[in-house]
Structures are given as C-alpha cells and as structure tokens.
Protein backbone atom coordinates (compact mmCIF):
# COMPACT_ATOMS: atom_id res chain seq x y z
CA MET A 1 119.09 42.35 92.74
CA ARG A 2 122.51 43.02 94.23
CA LEU A 3 122.53 46.50 92.74
CA ILE A 4 119.17 47.35 94.37
CA SER A 5 120.36 45.98 97.74
CA ALA A 6 123.55 48.03 97.52
CA ALA A 7 121.60 51.19 96.67
CA VAL A 8 119.19 50.67 99.59
CA MET A 9 122.10 50.00 101.97
CA ALA A 10 123.90 53.16 100.79
CA CYS A 11 120.75 55.24 101.41
CA VAL A 12 120.28 53.78 104.88
CA LEU A 13 123.88 54.46 105.85
CA ALA A 14 123.83 58.01 104.47
CA SER A 15 120.53 59.12 106.03
CA PRO A 16 121.70 59.46 109.68
CA VAL A 17 124.56 61.67 108.52
CA ALA A 18 122.19 63.92 106.58
CA VAL A 19 119.76 64.16 109.49
CA ALA A 20 122.54 65.03 111.92
CA GLN A 21 123.56 68.07 109.90
CA THR A 22 121.73 71.19 111.04
CA THR A 23 122.42 74.82 110.38
CA ALA A 24 122.46 77.43 113.09
CA PRO A 25 120.25 80.47 112.47
CA SER A 26 122.15 83.41 111.09
CA SER A 27 122.62 86.40 113.34
CA SER A 28 120.42 88.59 111.14
CA ALA A 29 117.52 86.11 111.37
CA ALA A 30 117.94 85.83 115.14
CA GLU A 31 117.88 89.63 115.51
CA ALA A 32 114.85 90.23 113.26
CA PRO A 33 111.95 91.87 115.11
CA HIS A 34 108.80 89.86 115.68
CA SER A 35 106.57 92.90 115.41
CA ALA A 36 106.95 95.86 113.09
CA THR A 37 104.96 98.57 114.81
CA GLY A 38 104.08 101.45 112.51
CA GLN A 39 104.25 99.42 109.32
CA TRP A 40 101.65 97.94 106.96
CA ARG A 41 101.89 94.91 104.71
CA ALA A 42 101.47 95.94 101.07
CA SER A 43 99.65 92.71 100.31
CA LYS A 44 97.01 93.61 102.91
CA LEU A 45 96.72 97.23 101.71
CA VAL A 46 95.43 95.99 98.35
CA GLY A 47 91.65 95.72 98.57
CA VAL A 48 91.16 98.38 101.27
CA ASP A 49 88.00 100.35 100.47
CA ILE A 50 88.26 104.07 99.75
CA TYR A 51 85.49 106.41 100.94
CA ASN A 52 84.74 110.10 100.40
CA GLU A 53 84.04 112.60 103.17
CA GLN A 54 80.32 111.74 102.96
CA ASN A 55 81.15 108.12 103.90
CA GLU A 56 80.27 106.80 100.41
CA ASN A 57 82.37 103.93 99.07
CA ILE A 58 83.99 105.29 95.90
CA GLY A 59 86.72 102.75 95.13
CA GLU A 60 89.44 100.51 96.50
CA VAL A 61 93.19 100.16 96.55
CA ASP A 62 94.05 97.99 93.58
CA ASP A 63 97.86 97.99 93.67
CA VAL A 64 100.93 99.48 95.35
CA ILE A 65 103.56 101.17 93.15
CA ILE A 66 107.18 101.14 94.31
CA ASP A 67 109.96 103.23 92.77
CA PRO A 68 113.38 101.76 91.88
CA SER A 69 114.84 102.81 95.24
CA GLY A 70 112.21 100.77 97.10
CA LYS A 71 110.05 103.66 98.30
CA ILE A 72 106.29 103.61 97.78
CA ASP A 73 105.47 105.97 94.93
CA GLY A 74 101.71 105.69 95.49
CA VAL A 75 98.74 103.37 95.30
CA ILE A 76 96.45 102.60 92.39
CA VAL A 77 92.82 103.25 93.27
CA SER A 78 90.18 101.63 91.08
CA VAL A 79 86.99 103.65 90.65
CA GLY A 80 83.71 102.60 89.12
CA GLY A 81 83.10 99.61 86.95
CA PHE A 82 81.18 96.42 87.61
CA LEU A 83 82.80 93.03 88.21
CA GLY A 84 86.15 94.37 87.04
CA MET A 85 84.79 95.81 83.78
CA GLY A 86 85.01 99.54 83.08
CA GLU A 87 87.18 100.37 86.08
CA HIS A 88 89.13 103.62 86.00
CA HIS A 89 92.55 103.36 87.70
CA VAL A 90 94.23 106.45 89.17
CA LEU A 91 97.58 106.84 90.91
CA MET A 92 97.29 108.53 94.31
CA LYS A 93 100.08 109.48 96.68
CA LEU A 94 99.74 108.05 100.17
CA ASP A 95 99.48 111.52 101.70
CA GLN A 96 96.27 112.09 99.68
CA ILE A 97 94.54 109.27 101.54
CA LYS A 98 93.70 109.34 105.25
CA PHE A 99 93.81 105.76 106.51
CA SER A 100 91.88 104.61 109.58
CA ASN A 101 90.88 101.49 111.45
CA LYS A 102 87.25 102.39 112.03
CA ALA A 103 84.72 104.75 110.53
CA GLY A 104 85.12 108.32 111.69
CA THR A 105 88.79 108.14 112.74
CA THR A 106 91.74 108.79 110.49
CA SER A 107 95.49 108.54 110.71
CA THR A 108 98.50 108.53 108.45
CA ALA A 109 100.25 105.93 110.59
CA SER A 110 99.66 102.30 111.39
CA THR A 111 97.38 100.74 113.94
CA SER A 112 98.09 100.99 117.67
CA SER A 113 101.21 99.29 119.00
CA ASP A 114 99.29 96.61 120.93
CA SER A 115 97.38 95.56 117.82
CA ARG A 116 98.67 92.92 115.40
CA GLN A 117 96.59 94.19 112.46
CA TRP A 118 98.98 95.04 109.62
CA TYR A 119 96.58 97.09 107.49
CA PRO A 120 93.98 99.85 107.81
CA ASP A 121 90.26 99.12 107.54
CA ARG A 122 89.54 102.01 105.19
CA GLY A 123 90.90 105.05 103.43
CA THR A 124 89.21 108.43 103.06
CA VAL A 125 89.83 111.02 100.35
CA ASN A 126 88.49 114.54 99.97
CA LEU A 127 87.22 113.80 96.44
CA THR A 128 84.03 112.53 94.85
CA LYS A 129 83.77 109.49 92.61
CA ASP A 130 83.34 111.80 89.60
CA GLN A 131 86.46 113.77 90.53
CA LEU A 132 88.46 110.53 90.77
CA LYS A 133 87.13 109.40 87.39
CA ALA A 134 88.18 112.76 85.91
CA MET A 135 91.80 112.23 87.04
CA PRO A 136 94.29 110.90 84.44
CA GLN A 137 93.98 107.15 84.08
CA PHE A 138 96.92 105.04 85.21
CA LYS A 139 97.96 102.62 82.47
CA TYR A 140 99.68 99.35 83.38
C-alpha cells in the first residue's frame, strides 16, 4: 500500500513540472505560408476525372508519380474497366492534360488566388478512350 501511495504522490508532484514545460514554435514553422497559391495537393489530384475534347468522361487520375529529385514525373490515368477490374493504366505528363475548374475552361495552373480549392475539377486531353487504351500500359 505504501508503494502505491508513493507512486501516486510522485506522479502528482511531477505533473505540474511537465505541464509547465512548453516549446516555442520554430522559426521555420512560424514563417510557413498559410496559403500556397498556384499549387495543388497531390492527394486531391487523385480521382480527378479526365475528359476528351467531346466532353466524354474517359478516365481518371489514379496516382501521381514523383522522380527521385522530388519533381512530378507524371500522373497515372486509369482508362476503362468496371469496378476496378480491367482498368488500363497509362503514364501521362502533366503538360498533356489541360486542367480546369469548370467545364469549358482550361488552365495549366492552379485555381484563382482568392479560392482555397487545392485541386482542379477536371482534366481534358486531346485523345479518345481508344487512343488512351492503345498507349503502353503502366505497370506498378
């Protein structure tokens, strides 16, 4: 019983000291921007629908590929299939896809500076679904 009482007393005496210790934010964290205008989150780019010039949905961004230096090498677009079966994956460079935030408008940059959306609504390519399926398949 004495051992339990001593352990409880030690915890009670030590807890105010532990609570009183706080760390100041580092200078790099304090200087980090709150908004990154002109940038997209890779996690939000995955799942963006890809359309052809005739406004037909022909696939979606399935993954983002990054090279060893940290630059985006391209995106994996999945074409065809049903419920994940029979999909054909192709690697496309970002400059092959025109991203936009609404149907009929395209851009290669991010959303407007007053918007907090970190991803485009859609991507458009100048290819058909059959042309994408004919491209070499990307193997994971």
